[in-house]
Amino acid sequence: MSSENTSRAALTHTLAGALVMGAVMSGVGLWRAEAQDRTPAGPSNTEVLLERVLKQQISALNVESADAVMLCFHEDAPDRQGMREVMVNQFRVRDLRYRLKSTKFIAEDGQYAYMRTWQVVDGRNEKTPFLGETEELLVFRKGRGGWKAWTSARLDKKRIPLPGEKGAPRPGGR
């Protein structure tokens, strides 16, 4: 191959690469412009309904009503009766309060929907007082009357230092 042909081939390769890269960058630019022009749509209807079920469940836990908690669970949820028995026993011996810290809607897939939650568990009235935070993946399933809790998986838990303990936040955030 002559040096002229080699130079032509290199130039053609460079131009082709530049055209491809230009097209890719244009696409990225268009995508970025579209993404920037969009206004957030807000939560989906499913997300709003799941949060409503979760808040109802937390309220029922805080007033220690096993029947009200079970209304939040799907009628065919795994080990439904066992969950109720554990809850009734817990209400007899523990004094816990729950607070929803935050949620993140993950997805809806047919009859199932998924949400990640962070909850604060307050056991300050226990013999050994504690404050904790749990991170859970909740699974909901459509049932009679809409979305209901199905099952969950604990992703993480941590103890939060109580006021006055080493590592506890100081008043005023200092």
C-alpha atoms as a PDB file:
ATOM      1  CA  MET A   1       0.000   0.000   0.000  1.00  0.00           C
ATOM      2  CA  SER A   2       1.380   3.403  -0.968  1.00  0.00           C
ATOM      3  CA  SER A   3       1.797   6.169   1.546  1.00  0.00           C
ATOM      4  CA  GLU A   4      -0.927   8.099  -0.279  1.00  0.00           C
ATOM      5  CA  ASN A   5      -3.350   5.171   0.152  1.00  0.00           C
ATOM      6  CA  THR A   6      -2.310   4.769   3.785  1.00  0.00           C
ATOM      7  CA  SER A   7      -2.932   8.481   4.397  1.00  0.00           C
ATOM      8  CA  ARG A   8      -6.321   8.274   2.647  1.00  0.00           C
ATOM      9  CA  ALA A   9      -7.302   5.216   4.723  1.00  0.00           C
ATOM     10  CA  ALA A  10      -6.228   6.916   7.955  1.00  0.00           C
ATOM     11  CA  LEU A  11      -8.156  10.076   7.016  1.00  0.00           C
ATOM     12  CA  THR A  12     -11.264   8.037   6.115  1.00  0.00           C
ATOM     13  CA  HIS A  13     -11.003   6.139   9.420  1.00  0.00           C
ATOM     14  CA  THR A  14     -10.547   9.399  11.353  1.00  0.00           C
ATOM     15  CA  LEU A  15     -13.489  11.054   9.590  1.00  0.00           C
ATOM     16  CA  ALA A  16     -15.708   8.027  10.133  1.00  0.00           C
ATOM     17  CA  GLY A  17     -14.761   7.987  13.804  1.00  0.00           C
ATOM     18  CA  ALA A  18     -15.447  11.717  14.093  1.00  0.00           C
ATOM     19  CA  LEU A  19     -18.871  11.302  12.426  1.00  0.00           C
ATOM     20  CA  VAL A  20     -19.811   8.461  14.747  1.00  0.00           C
ATOM     21  CA  MET A  21     -18.564  10.363  17.795  1.00  0.00           C
ATOM     22  CA  GLY A  22     -20.395  13.491  16.605  1.00  0.00           C
ATOM     23  CA  ALA A  23     -23.629  11.533  16.208  1.00  0.00           C
ATOM     24  CA  VAL A  24     -23.212  10.004  19.652  1.00  0.00           C
ATOM     25  CA  MET A  25     -22.493  13.381  21.245  1.00  0.00           C
ATOM     26  CA  SER A  26     -25.449  14.952  19.420  1.00  0.00           C
ATOM     27  CA  GLY A  27     -27.658  12.197  20.762  1.00  0.00           C
ATOM     28  CA  VAL A  28     -26.296  12.780  24.241  1.00  0.00           C
ATOM     29  CA  GLY A  29     -26.874  16.502  23.834  1.00  0.00           C
ATOM     30  CA  LEU A  30     -30.454  15.940  22.698  1.00  0.00           C
ATOM     31  CA  TRP A  31     -31.056  13.519  25.548  1.00  0.00           C
ATOM     32  CA  ARG A  32     -29.634  15.984  28.049  1.00  0.00           C
ATOM     33  CA  ALA A  33     -31.761  18.808  26.642  1.00  0.00           C
ATOM     34  CA  GLU A  34     -34.888  16.646  26.827  1.00  0.00           C
ATOM     35  CA  ALA A  35     -34.063  15.574  30.369  1.00  0.00           C
ATOM     36  CA  GLN A  36     -33.496  19.184  31.444  1.00  0.00           C
ATOM     37  CA  ASP A  37     -36.718  20.401  29.802  1.00  0.00           C
ATOM     38  CA  ARG A  38     -38.881  17.839  31.569  1.00  0.00           C
ATOM     39  CA  THR A  39     -40.562  18.799  34.796  1.00  0.00           C
ATOM     40  CA  PRO A  40     -40.768  16.139  37.483  1.00  0.00           C
ATOM     41  CA  ALA A  41     -44.015  14.215  37.121  1.00  0.00           C
ATOM     42  CA  GLY A  42     -44.368  13.597  40.848  1.00  0.00           C
ATOM     43  CA  PRO A  43     -45.170  10.297  42.496  1.00  0.00           C
ATOM     44  CA  SER A  44     -47.147   7.656  40.650  1.00  0.00           C
ATOM     45  CA  ASN A  45     -50.610   6.732  41.869  1.00  0.00           C
ATOM     46  CA  THR A  46     -49.199   3.377  43.031  1.00  0.00           C
ATOM     47  CA  GLU A  47     -46.519   5.104  45.114  1.00  0.00           C
ATOM     48  CA  VAL A  48     -49.129   7.283  46.824  1.00  0.00           C
ATOM     49  CA  LEU A  49     -51.314   4.248  47.574  1.00  0.00           C
ATOM     50  CA  LEU A  50     -48.392   2.212  48.954  1.00  0.00           C
ATOM     51  CA  GLU A  51     -47.379   5.047  51.270  1.00  0.00           C
ATOM     52  CA  ARG A  52     -50.982   5.286  52.469  1.00  0.00           C
ATOM     53  CA  VAL A  53     -51.013   1.561  53.349  1.00  0.00           C
ATOM     54  CA  LEU A  54     -47.648   1.887  55.092  1.00  0.00           C
ATOM     55  CA  LYS A  55     -48.750   4.904  57.161  1.00  0.00           C
ATOM     56  CA  GLN A  56     -51.968   3.110  58.102  1.00  0.00           C
ATOM     57  CA  GLN A  57     -49.920   0.093  59.201  1.00  0.00           C
ATOM     58  CA  ILE A  58     -47.555   2.231  61.319  1.00  0.00           C
ATOM     59  CA  SER A  59     -50.508   3.988  62.972  1.00  0.00           C
ATOM     60  CA  ALA A  60     -52.040   0.600  63.806  1.00  0.00           C
ATOM     61  CA  LEU A  61     -48.732  -0.608  65.275  1.00  0.00           C
ATOM     62  CA  ASN A  62     -48.478   2.515  67.431  1.00  0.00           C
ATOM     63  CA  VAL A  63     -51.952   1.982  68.923  1.00  0.00           C
ATOM     64  CA  GLU A  64     -51.127  -1.725  69.271  1.00  0.00           C
ATOM     65  CA  SER A  65     -54.106  -2.995  67.280  1.00  0.00           C
ATOM     66  CA  ALA A  66     -53.267  -6.345  65.709  1.00  0.00           C
ATOM     67  CA  ASP A  67     -56.604  -6.361  63.865  1.00  0.00           C
ATOM     68  CA  ALA A  68     -55.922  -2.954  62.313  1.00  0.00           C
ATOM     69  CA  VAL A  69     -52.384  -4.007  61.318  1.00  0.00           C
ATOM     70  CA  MET A  70     -53.737  -7.159  59.666  1.00  0.00           C
ATOM     71  CA  LEU A  71     -56.190  -5.074  57.588  1.00  0.00           C
ATOM     72  CA  CYS A  72     -53.095  -3.696  55.842  1.00  0.00           C
ATOM     73  CA  PHE A  73     -51.945  -7.195  54.809  1.00  0.00           C
ATOM     74  CA  HIS A  74     -53.096  -9.058  51.726  1.00  0.00           C
ATOM     75  CA  GLU A  75     -55.628 -11.762  52.578  1.00  0.00           C
ATOM     76  CA  ASP A  76     -53.268 -14.447  51.152  1.00  0.00           C
ATOM     77  CA  ALA A  77     -50.001 -13.054  52.597  1.00  0.00           C
ATOM     78  CA  PRO A  78     -47.492 -15.741  53.637  1.00  0.00           C
ATOM     79  CA  ASP A  79     -47.867 -16.839  57.299  1.00  0.00           C
ATOM     80  CA  ARG A  80     -50.565 -14.246  57.966  1.00  0.00           C
ATOM     81  CA  GLN A  81     -51.833 -15.996  61.115  1.00  0.00           C
ATOM     82  CA  GLY A  82     -48.299 -16.454  62.472  1.00  0.00           C
ATOM     83  CA  MET A  83     -47.597 -12.732  61.987  1.00  0.00           C
ATOM     84  CA  ARG A  84     -50.741 -11.851  63.915  1.00  0.00           C
ATOM     85  CA  GLU A  85     -49.799 -14.132  66.840  1.00  0.00           C
ATOM     86  CA  VAL A  86     -46.265 -12.691  67.055  1.00  0.00           C
ATOM     87  CA  MET A  87     -47.704  -9.179  66.991  1.00  0.00           C
ATOM     88  CA  VAL A  88     -50.236  -9.863  69.756  1.00  0.00           C
ATOM     89  CA  ASN A  89     -47.466 -11.327  71.957  1.00  0.00           C
ATOM     90  CA  GLN A  90     -45.178  -8.383  71.210  1.00  0.00           C
ATOM     91  CA  PHE A  91     -47.901  -5.904  72.181  1.00  0.00           C
ATOM     92  CA  ARG A  92     -48.281  -7.696  75.527  1.00  0.00           C
ATOM     93  CA  VAL A  93     -44.604  -7.477  76.497  1.00  0.00           C
ATOM     94  CA  ARG A  94     -43.091  -4.543  74.564  1.00  0.00           C
ATOM     95  CA  ASP A  95     -43.789  -0.833  74.362  1.00  0.00           C
ATOM     96  CA  LEU A  96     -42.484   0.235  70.982  1.00  0.00           C
ATOM     97  CA  ARG A  97     -43.317   3.207  68.800  1.00  0.00           C
ATOM     98  CA  TYR A  98     -42.680   3.455  65.082  1.00  0.00           C
ATOM     99  CA  ARG A  99     -42.075   6.412  62.778  1.00  0.00           C
ATOM    100  CA  LEU A 100     -41.635   6.421  59.042  1.00  0.00           C
ATOM    101  CA  LYS A 101     -38.441   8.304  58.213  1.00  0.00           C
ATOM    102  CA  SER A 102     -38.507   8.032  54.405  1.00  0.00           C
ATOM    103  CA  THR A 103     -39.559   5.893  51.464  1.00  0.00           C
ATOM    104  CA  LYS A 104     -38.339   5.191  47.957  1.00  0.00           C
ATOM    105  CA  PHE A 105     -40.747   3.688  45.448  1.00  0.00           C
ATOM    106  CA  ILE A 106     -38.887   1.047  43.433  1.00  0.00           C
ATOM    107  CA  ALA A 107     -41.286  -0.392  40.857  1.00  0.00           C
ATOM    108  CA  GLU A 108     -44.631  -1.852  40.011  1.00  0.00           C
ATOM    109  CA  ASP A 109     -44.643  -5.189  38.222  1.00  0.00           C
ATOM    110  CA  GLY A 110     -48.093  -6.582  37.481  1.00  0.00           C
ATOM    111  CA  GLN A 111     -49.751  -7.598  40.725  1.00  0.00           C
ATOM    112  CA  TYR A 112     -46.678  -6.690  42.829  1.00  0.00           C
ATOM    113  CA  ALA A 113     -45.079  -3.381  43.821  1.00  0.00           C
ATOM    114  CA  TYR A 114     -41.864  -2.679  45.729  1.00  0.00           C
ATOM    115  CA  MET A 115     -40.835   0.087  48.111  1.00  0.00           C
ATOM    116  CA  ARG A 116     -37.723   0.675  50.190  1.00  0.00           C
ATOM    117  CA  THR A 117     -38.367   2.260  53.586  1.00  0.00           C
ATOM    118  CA  TRP A 118     -36.452   3.648  56.509  1.00  0.00           C
ATOM    119  CA  GLN A 119     -38.273   3.492  59.857  1.00  0.00           C
ATOM    120  CA  VAL A 120     -37.362   4.597  63.357  1.00  0.00           C
ATOM    121  CA  VAL A 121     -38.189   2.167  66.169  1.00  0.00           C
ATOM    122  CA  ASP A 122     -38.418   3.846  69.564  1.00  0.00           C
ATOM    123  CA  GLY A 123     -37.972   1.516  72.536  1.00  0.00           C
ATOM    124  CA  ARG A 124     -37.178   4.154  75.149  1.00  0.00           C
ATOM    125  CA  ASN A 125     -39.881   2.729  77.456  1.00  0.00           C
ATOM    126  CA  GLU A 126     -38.322  -0.754  77.470  1.00  0.00           C
ATOM    127  CA  LYS A 127     -36.370  -2.252  80.411  1.00  0.00           C
ATOM    128  CA  THR A 128     -33.280  -1.696  78.291  1.00  0.00           C
ATOM    129  CA  PRO A 129     -34.118   1.499  76.395  1.00  0.00           C
ATOM    130  CA  PHE A 130     -33.070   1.780  72.760  1.00  0.00           C
ATOM    131  CA  LEU A 131     -33.659   3.740  69.593  1.00  0.00           C
ATOM    132  CA  GLY A 132     -33.102   2.111  66.231  1.00  0.00           C
ATOM    133  CA  GLU A 133     -33.513   2.533  62.535  1.00  0.00           C
ATOM    134  CA  THR A 134     -34.416  -0.180  60.058  1.00  0.00           C
ATOM    135  CA  GLU A 135     -34.176  -0.239  56.297  1.00  0.00           C
ATOM    136  CA  GLU A 136     -36.573  -2.645  54.626  1.00  0.00           C
ATOM    137  CA  LEU A 137     -37.681  -3.717  51.194  1.00  0.00           C
ATOM    138  CA  LEU A 138     -41.458  -4.045  51.263  1.00  0.00           C
ATOM    139  CA  VAL A 139     -43.438  -6.070  48.770  1.00  0.00           C
ATOM    140  CA  PHE A 140     -47.083  -5.207  48.180  1.00  0.00           C
ATOM    141  CA  ARG A 141     -49.666  -7.190  46.232  1.00  0.00           C
ATOM    142  CA  LYS A 142     -52.973  -6.127  44.755  1.00  0.00           C
ATOM    143  CA  GLY A 143     -55.840  -7.551  46.748  1.00  0.00           C
ATOM    144  CA  ARG A 144     -59.489  -6.880  47.413  1.00  0.00           C
ATOM    145  CA  GLY A 145     -59.750  -3.159  47.880  1.00  0.00           C
ATOM    146  CA  GLY A 146     -56.357  -2.298  46.360  1.00  0.00           C
ATOM    147  CA  TRP A 147     -52.710  -2.660  47.368  1.00  0.00           C
ATOM    148  CA  LYS A 148     -51.916  -4.593  50.543  1.00  0.00           C
ATOM    149  CA  ALA A 149     -48.676  -5.539  52.300  1.00  0.00           C
ATOM    150  CA  TRP A 150     -47.392  -8.953  51.184  1.00  0.00           C
ATOM    151  CA  THR A 151     -43.951  -9.544  52.711  1.00  0.00           C
ATOM    152  CA  SER A 152     -40.718  -7.728  53.539  1.00  0.00           C
ATOM    153  CA  ALA A 153     -36.987  -8.192  53.812  1.00  0.00           C
ATOM    154  CA  ARG A 154     -34.836  -6.317  56.307  1.00  0.00           C
ATOM    155  CA  LEU A 155     -31.917  -4.733  54.501  1.00  0.00           C
ATOM    156  CA  ASP A 156     -30.216  -3.059  57.443  1.00  0.00           C
ATOM    157  CA  LYS A 157     -30.697  -2.066  61.054  1.00  0.00           C
ATOM    158  CA  LYS A 158     -28.706   0.188  63.309  1.00  0.00           C
ATOM    159  CA  ARG A 159     -28.872   1.466  66.828  1.00  0.00           C
ATOM    160  CA  ILE A 160     -29.163   5.204  67.328  1.00  0.00           C
ATOM    161  CA  PRO A 161     -27.512   6.536  70.517  1.00  0.00           C
ATOM    162  CA  LEU A 162     -30.019   7.861  73.039  1.00  0.00           C
ATOM    163  CA  PRO A 163     -29.699  11.434  74.311  1.00  0.00           C
ATOM    164  CA  GLY A 164     -26.845  11.593  76.822  1.00  0.00           C
ATOM    165  CA  GLU A 165     -25.073   8.532  75.404  1.00  0.00           C
ATOM    166  CA  LYS A 166     -21.723   8.761  73.698  1.00  0.00           C
ATOM    167  CA  GLY A 167     -22.263   9.561  70.035  1.00  0.00           C
ATOM    168  CA  ALA A 168     -25.752  10.991  70.566  1.00  0.00           C
ATOM    169  CA  PRO A 169     -26.569  14.175  68.659  1.00  0.00           C
ATOM    170  CA  ARG A 170     -26.380  17.239  70.841  1.00  0.00           C
ATOM    171  CA  PRO A 171     -29.293  19.669  71.141  1.00  0.00           C
ATOM    172  CA  GLY A 172     -29.117  22.272  68.403  1.00  0.00           C
ATOM    173  CA  GLY A 173     -27.256  19.839  66.094  1.00  0.00           C
ATOM    174  CA  ARG A 174     -23.744  20.567  67.478  1.00  0.00           C
END
